[in-house]
Amino acid sequence: MLKLFETVKVLHIEPTDVCQAACPLCYREIDVTFNKNIHNSLTVSDIQQLLPKKIISNLDKMFMCGVYGDPAASKETIAIYDYFRLVNDKITLGMNTNGGLQSTDWWKNLGKRLNRPKDYAVFSIDGLEDTNHIYRKNVVWDKVISNAEAFIQAGGNAHWDMLVYEHNEHQVDECERLAQAMGFKWFRAKVSKRPHNITWLKPPKNWPNPIVESSDIKCFALEENSVYISATGQIYPCCWLTNTEWTIDKFDQVQSNWASPVNCNPICKTTCGKKDNLTSFSAQWQREAELNV
């Protein structure tokens, strides 16, 4: 285990695969093998068994994200953050969330922890009150805004990420202004790189298509020296390979196939395939603004 992590500097963790939302392109909606009735979560004890203190001490950053779940759905999230910072006081901590779970008191407590200059919580808010729920199904706008306000007022560094579609592209400017007024530190608007056949979910009319497909791989996980731990405790090279057979012990095989346009992993092609120095992952971010600095 130590050898596996000896060069890792960034750790992605999915603390739970539970989420209240039903976003149509989320893996929890499109992965037919995923059972929503089985809830998996990581505890502090699980983290201690998976990761010796030496590994945590060498990390630059740990952030929680969700392939199937939202970190705010876990009862252990704050305790896990506390454990990482106890072991490594210099570590940067982060989170991606839809912001619609937990109480404002919970978010205040989190804000007191994610308050160092590089710490952050990314709130995925896809429009305003009349549009956010169109993609973020089952996410209540008023609750998201109240939670974000509580987090920010407690000292937390908040980022606003917006997925842009035809139904909300007219609100990008207004969302950025609201983010500024609320005290968010960063605003980003992106176009989804995920192909789909959902007729009502239309791409924005005035934004470039971000999809790049190439076997010339610029691997994001290798660039940042990161690995991903799922809510079941499985270790993968990255979050995009989570719902596949390609666990970290098979990553050498994944890399060896990059040299072949035929055998190259299709997920690698459409996420980290490079063309004109852009990948689908980097090309999706089409508007970024630093706020309240």
C-alpha atoms as a PDB file:
ATOM      1  CA  MET A   1       0.000   0.000   0.000  1.00  0.00           C
ATOM      2  CA  LEU A   2       2.765   2.458   0.862  1.00  0.00           C
ATOM      3  CA  LYS A   3       4.462   1.880  -2.497  1.00  0.00           C
ATOM      4  CA  LEU A   4       1.188   2.525  -4.319  1.00  0.00           C
ATOM      5  CA  PHE A   5       0.854   5.946  -2.655  1.00  0.00           C
ATOM      6  CA  GLU A   6       4.505   6.961  -2.433  1.00  0.00           C
ATOM      7  CA  THR A   7       4.208   9.580  -5.221  1.00  0.00           C
ATOM      8  CA  VAL A   8       0.591  10.604  -4.587  1.00  0.00           C
ATOM      9  CA  LYS A   9       0.161  14.263  -3.666  1.00  0.00           C
ATOM     10  CA  VAL A  10      -3.573  14.728  -4.255  1.00  0.00           C
ATOM     11  CA  LEU A  11      -6.309  12.460  -2.948  1.00  0.00           C
ATOM     12  CA  HIS A  12      -9.887  12.434  -4.260  1.00  0.00           C
ATOM     13  CA  ILE A  13     -12.397  10.776  -1.923  1.00  0.00           C
ATOM     14  CA  GLU A  14     -16.065   9.955  -2.381  1.00  0.00           C
ATOM     15  CA  PRO A  15     -17.170   9.654   1.267  1.00  0.00           C
ATOM     16  CA  THR A  16     -20.616   8.314   0.346  1.00  0.00           C
ATOM     17  CA  ASP A  17     -22.595   7.192  -2.689  1.00  0.00           C
ATOM     18  CA  VAL A  18     -25.803   8.690  -1.255  1.00  0.00           C
ATOM     19  CA  CYS A  19     -27.363  11.773  -2.845  1.00  0.00           C
ATOM     20  CA  GLN A  20     -30.798  13.357  -2.848  1.00  0.00           C
ATOM     21  CA  ALA A  21     -30.446  14.660  -6.397  1.00  0.00           C
ATOM     22  CA  ALA A  22     -31.345  12.970  -9.668  1.00  0.00           C
ATOM     23  CA  CYS A  23     -29.197  14.864 -12.166  1.00  0.00           C
ATOM     24  CA  PRO A  24     -29.886  13.178 -15.518  1.00  0.00           C
ATOM     25  CA  LEU A  25     -26.250  12.717 -16.584  1.00  0.00           C
ATOM     26  CA  CYS A  26     -24.920  11.635 -13.188  1.00  0.00           C
ATOM     27  CA  TYR A  27     -23.575   8.090 -12.989  1.00  0.00           C
ATOM     28  CA  ARG A  28     -26.152   7.264 -10.307  1.00  0.00           C
ATOM     29  CA  GLU A  29     -28.800   7.823 -13.005  1.00  0.00           C
ATOM     30  CA  ILE A  30     -27.093   6.322 -16.063  1.00  0.00           C
ATOM     31  CA  ASP A  31     -25.155   3.396 -14.553  1.00  0.00           C
ATOM     32  CA  VAL A  32     -27.599   0.479 -14.777  1.00  0.00           C
ATOM     33  CA  THR A  33     -25.480  -1.567 -12.351  1.00  0.00           C
ATOM     34  CA  PHE A  34     -25.780   0.993  -9.545  1.00  0.00           C
ATOM     35  CA  ASN A  35     -28.252   0.108  -6.789  1.00  0.00           C
ATOM     36  CA  LYS A  36     -29.585   3.213  -5.031  1.00  0.00           C
ATOM     37  CA  ASN A  37     -30.956   1.068  -2.214  1.00  0.00           C
ATOM     38  CA  ILE A  38     -27.475   0.018  -1.085  1.00  0.00           C
ATOM     39  CA  HIS A  39     -25.753   2.886   0.718  1.00  0.00           C
ATOM     40  CA  ASN A  40     -21.963   2.858   1.001  1.00  0.00           C
ATOM     41  CA  SER A  41     -20.010   5.350   3.097  1.00  0.00           C
ATOM     42  CA  LEU A  42     -16.469   5.735   4.387  1.00  0.00           C
ATOM     43  CA  THR A  43     -15.830   6.306   8.083  1.00  0.00           C
ATOM     44  CA  VAL A  44     -12.782   7.766   9.812  1.00  0.00           C
ATOM     45  CA  SER A  45     -11.922   4.193  10.782  1.00  0.00           C
ATOM     46  CA  ASP A  46     -12.053   3.149   7.111  1.00  0.00           C
ATOM     47  CA  ILE A  47      -9.700   6.004   6.210  1.00  0.00           C
ATOM     48  CA  GLN A  48      -7.290   4.979   8.967  1.00  0.00           C
ATOM     49  CA  GLN A  49      -7.220   1.424   7.643  1.00  0.00           C
ATOM     50  CA  LEU A  50      -6.780   2.482   4.027  1.00  0.00           C
ATOM     51  CA  LEU A  51      -4.249   5.253   4.567  1.00  0.00           C
ATOM     52  CA  PRO A  52      -1.351   5.108   7.013  1.00  0.00           C
ATOM     53  CA  LYS A  53      -0.511   8.462   8.582  1.00  0.00           C
ATOM     54  CA  LYS A  54       2.713   8.604   6.558  1.00  0.00           C
ATOM     55  CA  ILE A  55       0.668   8.798   3.353  1.00  0.00           C
ATOM     56  CA  ILE A  56      -1.624  11.542   4.655  1.00  0.00           C
ATOM     57  CA  SER A  57       1.381  13.505   5.924  1.00  0.00           C
ATOM     58  CA  ASN A  58       2.827  13.577   2.391  1.00  0.00           C
ATOM     59  CA  LEU A  59      -0.328  14.866   0.706  1.00  0.00           C
ATOM     60  CA  ASP A  60      -0.710  18.407  -0.599  1.00  0.00           C
ATOM     61  CA  LYS A  61      -4.471  18.215  -1.010  1.00  0.00           C
ATOM     62  CA  MET A  62      -7.528  16.097  -0.226  1.00  0.00           C
ATOM     63  CA  PHE A  63     -10.899  16.875  -1.655  1.00  0.00           C
ATOM     64  CA  MET A  64     -14.242  15.145  -1.583  1.00  0.00           C
ATOM     65  CA  CYS A  65     -16.278  14.707  -4.712  1.00  0.00           C
ATOM     66  CA  GLY A  66     -19.121  12.551  -5.880  1.00  0.00           C
ATOM     67  CA  VAL A  67     -19.421  10.154  -8.776  1.00  0.00           C
ATOM     68  CA  TYR A  68     -22.568   8.670  -7.277  1.00  0.00           C
ATOM     69  CA  GLY A  69     -23.015  10.615  -4.042  1.00  0.00           C
ATOM     70  CA  ASP A  70     -22.697  14.060  -2.503  1.00  0.00           C
ATOM     71  CA  PRO A  71     -20.150  14.512   0.304  1.00  0.00           C
ATOM     72  CA  ALA A  72     -22.712  16.456   2.341  1.00  0.00           C
ATOM     73  CA  ALA A  73     -24.847  13.310   2.552  1.00  0.00           C
ATOM     74  CA  SER A  74     -22.275  11.603   4.789  1.00  0.00           C
ATOM     75  CA  LYS A  75     -22.429  11.843   8.577  1.00  0.00           C
ATOM     76  CA  GLU A  76     -18.649  11.414   8.656  1.00  0.00           C
ATOM     77  CA  THR A  77     -17.617  14.232   6.308  1.00  0.00           C
ATOM     78  CA  ILE A  78     -16.590  16.805   8.919  1.00  0.00           C
ATOM     79  CA  ALA A  79     -14.898  14.146  11.071  1.00  0.00           C
ATOM     80  CA  ILE A  80     -12.882  12.973   8.056  1.00  0.00           C
ATOM     81  CA  TYR A  81     -11.761  16.538   7.332  1.00  0.00           C
ATOM     82  CA  ASP A  82     -10.758  16.944  10.982  1.00  0.00           C
ATOM     83  CA  TYR A  83      -8.745  13.723  10.869  1.00  0.00           C
ATOM     84  CA  PHE A  84      -6.810  14.734   7.749  1.00  0.00           C
ATOM     85  CA  ARG A  85      -5.953  18.126   9.200  1.00  0.00           C
ATOM     86  CA  LEU A  86      -4.975  16.555  12.533  1.00  0.00           C
ATOM     87  CA  VAL A  87      -2.468  14.312  10.746  1.00  0.00           C
ATOM     88  CA  ASN A  88      -1.343  16.936   8.213  1.00  0.00           C
ATOM     89  CA  ASP A  89      -1.863  20.526   9.351  1.00  0.00           C
ATOM     90  CA  LYS A  90      -0.637  21.946   6.015  1.00  0.00           C
ATOM     91  CA  ILE A  91      -3.018  20.006   3.775  1.00  0.00           C
ATOM     92  CA  THR A  92      -5.484  21.811   1.487  1.00  0.00           C
ATOM     93  CA  LEU A  93      -9.079  20.599   1.846  1.00  0.00           C
ATOM     94  CA  GLY A  94     -11.894  20.861  -0.681  1.00  0.00           C
ATOM     95  CA  MET A  95     -15.341  19.598  -1.652  1.00  0.00           C
ATOM     96  CA  ASN A  96     -17.765  19.442  -4.584  1.00  0.00           C
ATOM     97  CA  THR A  97     -21.466  19.552  -3.650  1.00  0.00           C
ATOM     98  CA  ASN A  98     -24.935  20.466  -4.898  1.00  0.00           C
ATOM     99  CA  GLY A  99     -25.356  22.355  -1.618  1.00  0.00           C
ATOM    100  CA  GLY A 100     -28.895  21.149  -0.961  1.00  0.00           C
ATOM    101  CA  LEU A 101     -28.299  18.843   2.004  1.00  0.00           C
ATOM    102  CA  GLN A 102     -27.729  19.354   5.731  1.00  0.00           C
ATOM    103  CA  SER A 103     -28.631  22.312   7.954  1.00  0.00           C
ATOM    104  CA  THR A 104     -27.162  25.797   7.946  1.00  0.00           C
ATOM    105  CA  ASP A 105     -25.433  24.938  11.246  1.00  0.00           C
ATOM    106  CA  TRP A 106     -23.678  22.036   9.527  1.00  0.00           C
ATOM    107  CA  TRP A 107     -22.483  24.366   6.783  1.00  0.00           C
ATOM    108  CA  LYS A 108     -21.282  26.913   9.351  1.00  0.00           C
ATOM    109  CA  ASN A 109     -19.202  24.173  10.965  1.00  0.00           C
ATOM    110  CA  LEU A 110     -17.776  23.217   7.601  1.00  0.00           C
ATOM    111  CA  GLY A 111     -17.031  26.867   6.778  1.00  0.00           C
ATOM    112  CA  LYS A 112     -14.917  27.138   9.922  1.00  0.00           C
ATOM    113  CA  ARG A 113     -12.795  24.275   8.588  1.00  0.00           C
ATOM    114  CA  LEU A 114     -12.510  25.109   4.884  1.00  0.00           C
ATOM    115  CA  ASN A 115     -11.308  28.649   5.583  1.00  0.00           C
ATOM    116  CA  ARG A 116      -7.644  28.647   4.654  1.00  0.00           C
ATOM    117  CA  PRO A 117      -6.592  30.491   1.463  1.00  0.00           C
ATOM    118  CA  LYS A 118      -6.498  27.364  -0.741  1.00  0.00           C
ATOM    119  CA  ASP A 119      -9.418  25.504   0.871  1.00  0.00           C
ATOM    120  CA  TYR A 120     -12.750  25.539  -0.945  1.00  0.00           C
ATOM    121  CA  ALA A 121     -16.237  24.136  -1.392  1.00  0.00           C
ATOM    122  CA  VAL A 122     -17.519  24.060  -4.962  1.00  0.00           C
ATOM    123  CA  PHE A 123     -21.284  24.568  -5.100  1.00  0.00           C
ATOM    124  CA  SER A 124     -22.744  23.212  -8.354  1.00  0.00           C
ATOM    125  CA  ILE A 125     -25.536  25.702  -9.020  1.00  0.00           C
ATOM    126  CA  ASP A 126     -26.904  25.573 -12.545  1.00  0.00           C
ATOM    127  CA  GLY A 127     -28.860  28.768 -12.843  1.00  0.00           C
ATOM    128  CA  LEU A 128     -31.300  30.690 -10.657  1.00  0.00           C
ATOM    129  CA  GLU A 129     -34.452  29.745  -8.751  1.00  0.00           C
ATOM    130  CA  ASP A 130     -36.442  29.086 -11.936  1.00  0.00           C
ATOM    131  CA  THR A 131     -33.784  26.942 -13.665  1.00  0.00           C
ATOM    132  CA  ASN A 132     -31.415  25.250 -11.186  1.00  0.00           C
ATOM    133  CA  HIS A 133     -33.873  22.398 -10.557  1.00  0.00           C
ATOM    134  CA  ILE A 134     -34.174  21.569 -14.269  1.00  0.00           C
ATOM    135  CA  TYR A 135     -30.853  19.736 -14.217  1.00  0.00           C
ATOM    136  CA  ARG A 136     -30.298  19.525 -10.435  1.00  0.00           C
ATOM    137  CA  LYS A 137     -33.482  17.549  -9.882  1.00  0.00           C
ATOM    138  CA  ASN A 138     -34.656  17.277  -6.253  1.00  0.00           C
ATOM    139  CA  VAL A 139     -32.333  20.120  -5.199  1.00  0.00           C
ATOM    140  CA  VAL A 140     -34.178  23.005  -3.522  1.00  0.00           C
ATOM    141  CA  TRP A 141     -32.875  26.444  -4.537  1.00  0.00           C
ATOM    142  CA  ASP A 142     -33.668  28.283  -1.302  1.00  0.00           C
ATOM    143  CA  LYS A 143     -31.860  25.636   0.740  1.00  0.00           C
ATOM    144  CA  VAL A 144     -28.775  25.795  -1.492  1.00  0.00           C
ATOM    145  CA  ILE A 145     -28.558  29.574  -1.166  1.00  0.00           C
ATOM    146  CA  SER A 146     -29.104  29.481   2.625  1.00  0.00           C
ATOM    147  CA  ASN A 147     -26.425  26.810   3.023  1.00  0.00           C
ATOM    148  CA  ALA A 148     -23.952  28.683   0.811  1.00  0.00           C
ATOM    149  CA  GLU A 149     -24.574  31.896   2.778  1.00  0.00           C
ATOM    150  CA  ALA A 150     -23.999  30.084   6.085  1.00  0.00           C
ATOM    151  CA  PHE A 151     -20.779  28.548   4.778  1.00  0.00           C
ATOM    152  CA  ILE A 152     -19.443  31.866   3.465  1.00  0.00           C
ATOM    153  CA  GLN A 153     -20.435  33.878   6.561  1.00  0.00           C
ATOM    154  CA  ALA A 154     -18.556  31.354   8.737  1.00  0.00           C
ATOM    155  CA  GLY A 155     -15.382  32.055   6.761  1.00  0.00           C
ATOM    156  CA  GLY A 156     -15.526  29.276   4.180  1.00  0.00           C
ATOM    157  CA  ASN A 157     -14.149  29.780   0.680  1.00  0.00           C
ATOM    158  CA  ALA A 158     -16.970  29.071  -1.776  1.00  0.00           C
ATOM    159  CA  HIS A 159     -16.776  28.553  -5.540  1.00  0.00           C
ATOM    160  CA  TRP A 160     -19.818  28.590  -7.857  1.00  0.00           C
ATOM    161  CA  ASP A 161     -19.748  26.108 -10.768  1.00  0.00           C
ATOM    162  CA  MET A 162     -22.499  26.387 -13.373  1.00  0.00           C
ATOM    163  CA  LEU A 163     -23.362  23.840 -16.066  1.00  0.00           C
ATOM    164  CA  VAL A 164     -24.629  25.773 -19.076  1.00  0.00           C
ATOM    165  CA  TYR A 165     -27.450  24.477 -21.258  1.00  0.00           C
ATOM    166  CA  GLU A 166     -29.930  26.171 -23.562  1.00  0.00           C
ATOM    167  CA  HIS A 167     -32.443  26.556 -20.721  1.00  0.00           C
ATOM    168  CA  ASN A 168     -30.069  28.595 -18.510  1.00  0.00           C
ATOM    169  CA  GLU A 169     -27.468  30.213 -20.776  1.00  0.00           C
ATOM    170  CA  HIS A 170     -29.304  33.540 -20.558  1.00  0.00           C
ATOM    171  CA  GLN A 171     -28.614  33.593 -16.784  1.00  0.00           C
ATOM    172  CA  VAL A 172     -24.824  33.247 -16.727  1.00  0.00           C
ATOM    173  CA  ASP A 173     -24.173  36.965 -16.204  1.00  0.00           C
ATOM    174  CA  GLU A 174     -26.803  37.200 -13.470  1.00  0.00           C
ATOM    175  CA  CYS A 175     -25.432  34.114 -11.713  1.00  0.00           C
ATOM    176  CA  GLU A 176     -21.958  35.634 -11.706  1.00  0.00           C
ATOM    177  CA  ARG A 177     -23.312  38.875 -10.236  1.00  0.00           C
ATOM    178  CA  LEU A 178     -25.138  36.927  -7.518  1.00  0.00           C
ATOM    179  CA  ALA A 179     -21.997  34.943  -6.744  1.00  0.00           C
ATOM    180  CA  GLN A 180     -20.111  38.215  -6.356  1.00  0.00           C
ATOM    181  CA  ALA A 181     -22.778  39.696  -4.087  1.00  0.00           C
ATOM    182  CA  MET A 182     -22.922  36.608  -1.879  1.00  0.00           C
ATOM    183  CA  GLY A 183     -19.170  36.489  -1.335  1.00  0.00           C
ATOM    184  CA  PHE A 184     -18.176  33.540  -3.517  1.00  0.00           C
ATOM    185  CA  LYS A 185     -14.453  33.553  -4.328  1.00  0.00           C
ATOM    186  CA  TRP A 186     -14.739  32.071  -7.807  1.00  0.00           C
ATOM    187  CA  PHE A 187     -17.305  31.678 -10.581  1.00  0.00           C
ATOM    188  CA  ARG A 188     -16.968  29.177 -13.407  1.00  0.00           C
ATOM    189  CA  ALA A 189     -19.362  28.326 -16.230  1.00  0.00           C
ATOM    190  CA  LYS A 190     -18.876  25.159 -18.231  1.00  0.00           C
ATOM    191  CA  VAL A 191     -20.462  23.124 -21.012  1.00  0.00           C
ATOM    192  CA  SER A 192     -20.869  19.415 -20.280  1.00  0.00           C
ATOM    193  CA  LYS A 193     -18.560  17.064 -22.137  1.00  0.00           C
ATOM    194  CA  ARG A 194     -20.897  14.100 -21.568  1.00  0.00           C
ATOM    195  CA  PRO A 195     -22.722  12.948 -24.721  1.00  0.00           C
ATOM    196  CA  HIS A 196     -26.373  11.975 -24.283  1.00  0.00           C
ATOM    197  CA  ASN A 197     -29.677  11.376 -26.055  1.00  0.00           C
ATOM    198  CA  ILE A 198     -31.938  13.380 -23.727  1.00  0.00           C
ATOM    199  CA  THR A 199     -33.983  15.479 -26.126  1.00  0.00           C
ATOM    200  CA  TRP A 200     -35.020  18.164 -23.624  1.00  0.00           C
ATOM    201  CA  LEU A 201     -31.450  18.731 -22.362  1.00  0.00           C
ATOM    202  CA  LYS A 202     -30.097  20.893 -25.158  1.00  0.00           C
ATOM    203  CA  PRO A 203     -26.590  22.352 -25.410  1.00  0.00           C
ATOM    204  CA  PRO A 204     -26.262  26.132 -25.259  1.00  0.00           C
ATOM    205  CA  LYS A 205     -26.538  27.859 -28.618  1.00  0.00           C
ATOM    206  CA  ASN A 206     -23.656  30.288 -28.239  1.00  0.00           C
ATOM    207  CA  TRP A 207     -21.001  28.182 -26.510  1.00  0.00           C
ATOM    208  CA  PRO A 208     -18.398  25.960 -28.240  1.00  0.00           C
ATOM    209  CA  ASN A 209     -18.728  22.177 -28.056  1.00  0.00           C
ATOM    210  CA  PRO A 210     -16.046  21.061 -25.566  1.00  0.00           C
ATOM    211  CA  ILE A 211     -15.821  17.423 -26.670  1.00  0.00           C
ATOM    212  CA  VAL A 212     -12.330  16.399 -27.762  1.00  0.00           C
ATOM    213  CA  GLU A 213     -11.625  12.773 -28.632  1.00  0.00           C
ATOM    214  CA  SER A 214      -8.024  11.693 -29.112  1.00  0.00           C
ATOM    215  CA  SER A 215      -5.678   8.863 -28.172  1.00  0.00           C
ATOM    216  CA  ASP A 216      -2.974  11.455 -27.486  1.00  0.00           C
ATOM    217  CA  ILE A 217      -3.555  11.363 -23.741  1.00  0.00           C
ATOM    218  CA  LYS A 218      -2.750  14.174 -21.334  1.00  0.00           C
ATOM    219  CA  CYS A 219      -3.661  12.344 -18.134  1.00  0.00           C
ATOM    220  CA  PHE A 220      -4.978  14.679 -15.459  1.00  0.00           C
ATOM    221  CA  ALA A 221      -4.392  12.125 -12.686  1.00  0.00           C
ATOM    222  CA  LEU A 222      -0.743  11.666 -13.646  1.00  0.00           C
ATOM    223  CA  GLU A 223      -0.222  15.410 -13.957  1.00  0.00           C
ATOM    224  CA  GLU A 224      -1.401  16.115 -10.421  1.00  0.00           C
ATOM    225  CA  ASN A 225      -0.165  12.797  -8.948  1.00  0.00           C
ATOM    226  CA  SER A 226      -3.622  11.853  -7.707  1.00  0.00           C
ATOM    227  CA  VAL A 227      -5.729   8.782  -7.007  1.00  0.00           C
ATOM    228  CA  TYR A 228      -9.414   8.314  -6.249  1.00  0.00           C
ATOM    229  CA  ILE A 229     -11.023   6.348  -3.405  1.00  0.00           C
ATOM    230  CA  SER A 230     -14.656   5.369  -3.900  1.00  0.00           C
ATOM    231  CA  ALA A 231     -17.333   5.066  -1.211  1.00  0.00           C
ATOM    232  CA  THR A 232     -16.755   1.296  -1.244  1.00  0.00           C
ATOM    233  CA  GLY A 233     -13.059   1.747  -0.468  1.00  0.00           C
ATOM    234  CA  GLN A 234     -11.884   0.792  -3.962  1.00  0.00           C
ATOM    235  CA  ILE A 235      -8.906   2.724  -5.299  1.00  0.00           C
ATOM    236  CA  TYR A 236      -8.958   3.970  -8.893  1.00  0.00           C
ATOM    237  CA  PRO A 237      -6.595   6.124 -10.959  1.00  0.00           C
ATOM    238  CA  CYS A 238      -9.312   8.783 -11.257  1.00  0.00           C
ATOM    239  CA  CYS A 239     -13.007   9.434 -10.730  1.00  0.00           C
ATOM    240  CA  TRP A 240     -13.839   8.969 -14.419  1.00  0.00           C
ATOM    241  CA  LEU A 241     -12.797   5.305 -14.310  1.00  0.00           C
ATOM    242  CA  THR A 242     -14.781   4.573 -11.143  1.00  0.00           C
ATOM    243  CA  ASN A 243     -17.623   2.602 -12.724  1.00  0.00           C
ATOM    244  CA  THR A 244     -15.213   0.359 -14.666  1.00  0.00           C
ATOM    245  CA  GLU A 245     -12.964  -2.609 -14.000  1.00  0.00           C
ATOM    246  CA  TRP A 246      -9.902  -0.358 -14.152  1.00  0.00           C
ATOM    247  CA  THR A 247      -8.826  -0.172 -10.525  1.00  0.00           C
ATOM    248  CA  ILE A 248      -5.444   1.324  -9.683  1.00  0.00           C
ATOM    249  CA  ASP A 249      -3.657  -2.044  -9.898  1.00  0.00           C
ATOM    250  CA  LYS A 250      -4.576  -2.176 -13.606  1.00  0.00           C
ATOM    251  CA  PHE A 251      -3.491   1.365 -14.430  1.00  0.00           C
ATOM    252  CA  ASP A 252      -0.306   0.193 -16.137  1.00  0.00           C
ATOM    253  CA  GLN A 253      -2.456  -1.653 -18.662  1.00  0.00           C
ATOM    254  CA  VAL A 254      -4.611   1.438 -19.201  1.00  0.00           C
ATOM    255  CA  GLN A 255      -1.490   3.508 -19.889  1.00  0.00           C
ATOM    256  CA  SER A 256       0.038   0.919 -22.225  1.00  0.00           C
ATOM    257  CA  ASN A 257      -3.112   1.047 -24.371  1.00  0.00           C
ATOM    258  CA  TRP A 258      -2.828   4.813 -24.872  1.00  0.00           C
ATOM    259  CA  ALA A 259      -0.342   4.215 -27.680  1.00  0.00           C
ATOM    260  CA  SER A 260      -3.057   2.509 -29.745  1.00  0.00           C
ATOM    261  CA  PRO A 261      -5.968   4.522 -31.170  1.00  0.00           C
ATOM    262  CA  VAL A 262      -7.941   1.257 -31.294  1.00  0.00           C
ATOM    263  CA  ASN A 263      -7.184  -0.051 -27.792  1.00  0.00           C
ATOM    264  CA  CYS A 264      -7.035   3.262 -25.954  1.00  0.00           C
ATOM    265  CA  ASN A 265      -9.640   3.405 -23.189  1.00  0.00           C
ATOM    266  CA  PRO A 266     -12.659   5.370 -24.529  1.00  0.00           C
ATOM    267  CA  ILE A 267     -13.060   7.234 -21.234  1.00  0.00           C
ATOM    268  CA  CYS A 268      -9.444   8.370 -21.439  1.00  0.00           C
ATOM    269  CA  LYS A 269      -9.998   9.445 -25.051  1.00  0.00           C
ATOM    270  CA  THR A 270     -13.008  11.600 -24.297  1.00  0.00           C
ATOM    271  CA  THR A 271     -11.754  13.073 -21.019  1.00  0.00           C
ATOM    272  CA  CYS A 272      -7.993  13.481 -21.323  1.00  0.00           C
ATOM    273  CA  GLY A 273      -7.471  13.038 -25.064  1.00  0.00           C
ATOM    274  CA  LYS A 274      -5.494  16.061 -26.257  1.00  0.00           C
ATOM    275  CA  LYS A 275      -5.978  18.162 -29.382  1.00  0.00           C
ATOM    276  CA  ASP A 276      -4.355  21.583 -29.837  1.00  0.00           C
ATOM    277  CA  ASN A 277      -3.261  21.280 -26.191  1.00  0.00           C
ATOM    278  CA  LEU A 278      -6.894  21.049 -25.038  1.00  0.00           C
ATOM    279  CA  THR A 279      -8.735  18.094 -23.535  1.00  0.00           C
ATOM    280  CA  SER A 280     -12.477  17.721 -23.043  1.00  0.00           C
ATOM    281  CA  PHE A 281     -11.856  18.220 -19.338  1.00  0.00           C
ATOM    282  CA  SER A 282     -10.035  21.523 -19.822  1.00  0.00           C
ATOM    283  CA  ALA A 283     -12.181  22.727 -22.754  1.00  0.00           C
ATOM    284  CA  GLN A 284     -15.426  22.500 -20.767  1.00  0.00           C
ATOM    285  CA  TRP A 285     -14.410  25.458 -18.585  1.00  0.00           C
ATOM    286  CA  GLN A 286     -15.351  28.320 -20.866  1.00  0.00           C
ATOM    287  CA  ARG A 287     -15.767  31.175 -18.417  1.00  0.00           C
ATOM    288  CA  GLU A 288     -13.871  31.765 -15.194  1.00  0.00           C
ATOM    289  CA  ALA A 289     -13.885  34.779 -12.912  1.00  0.00           C
ATOM    290  CA  GLU A 290     -12.044  35.351  -9.648  1.00  0.00           C
ATOM    291  CA  LEU A 291     -14.320  37.222  -7.228  1.00  0.00           C
ATOM    292  CA  ASN A 292     -14.008  38.968  -3.866  1.00  0.00           C
ATOM    293  CA  VAL A 293     -10.218  38.776  -3.643  1.00  0.00           C
END
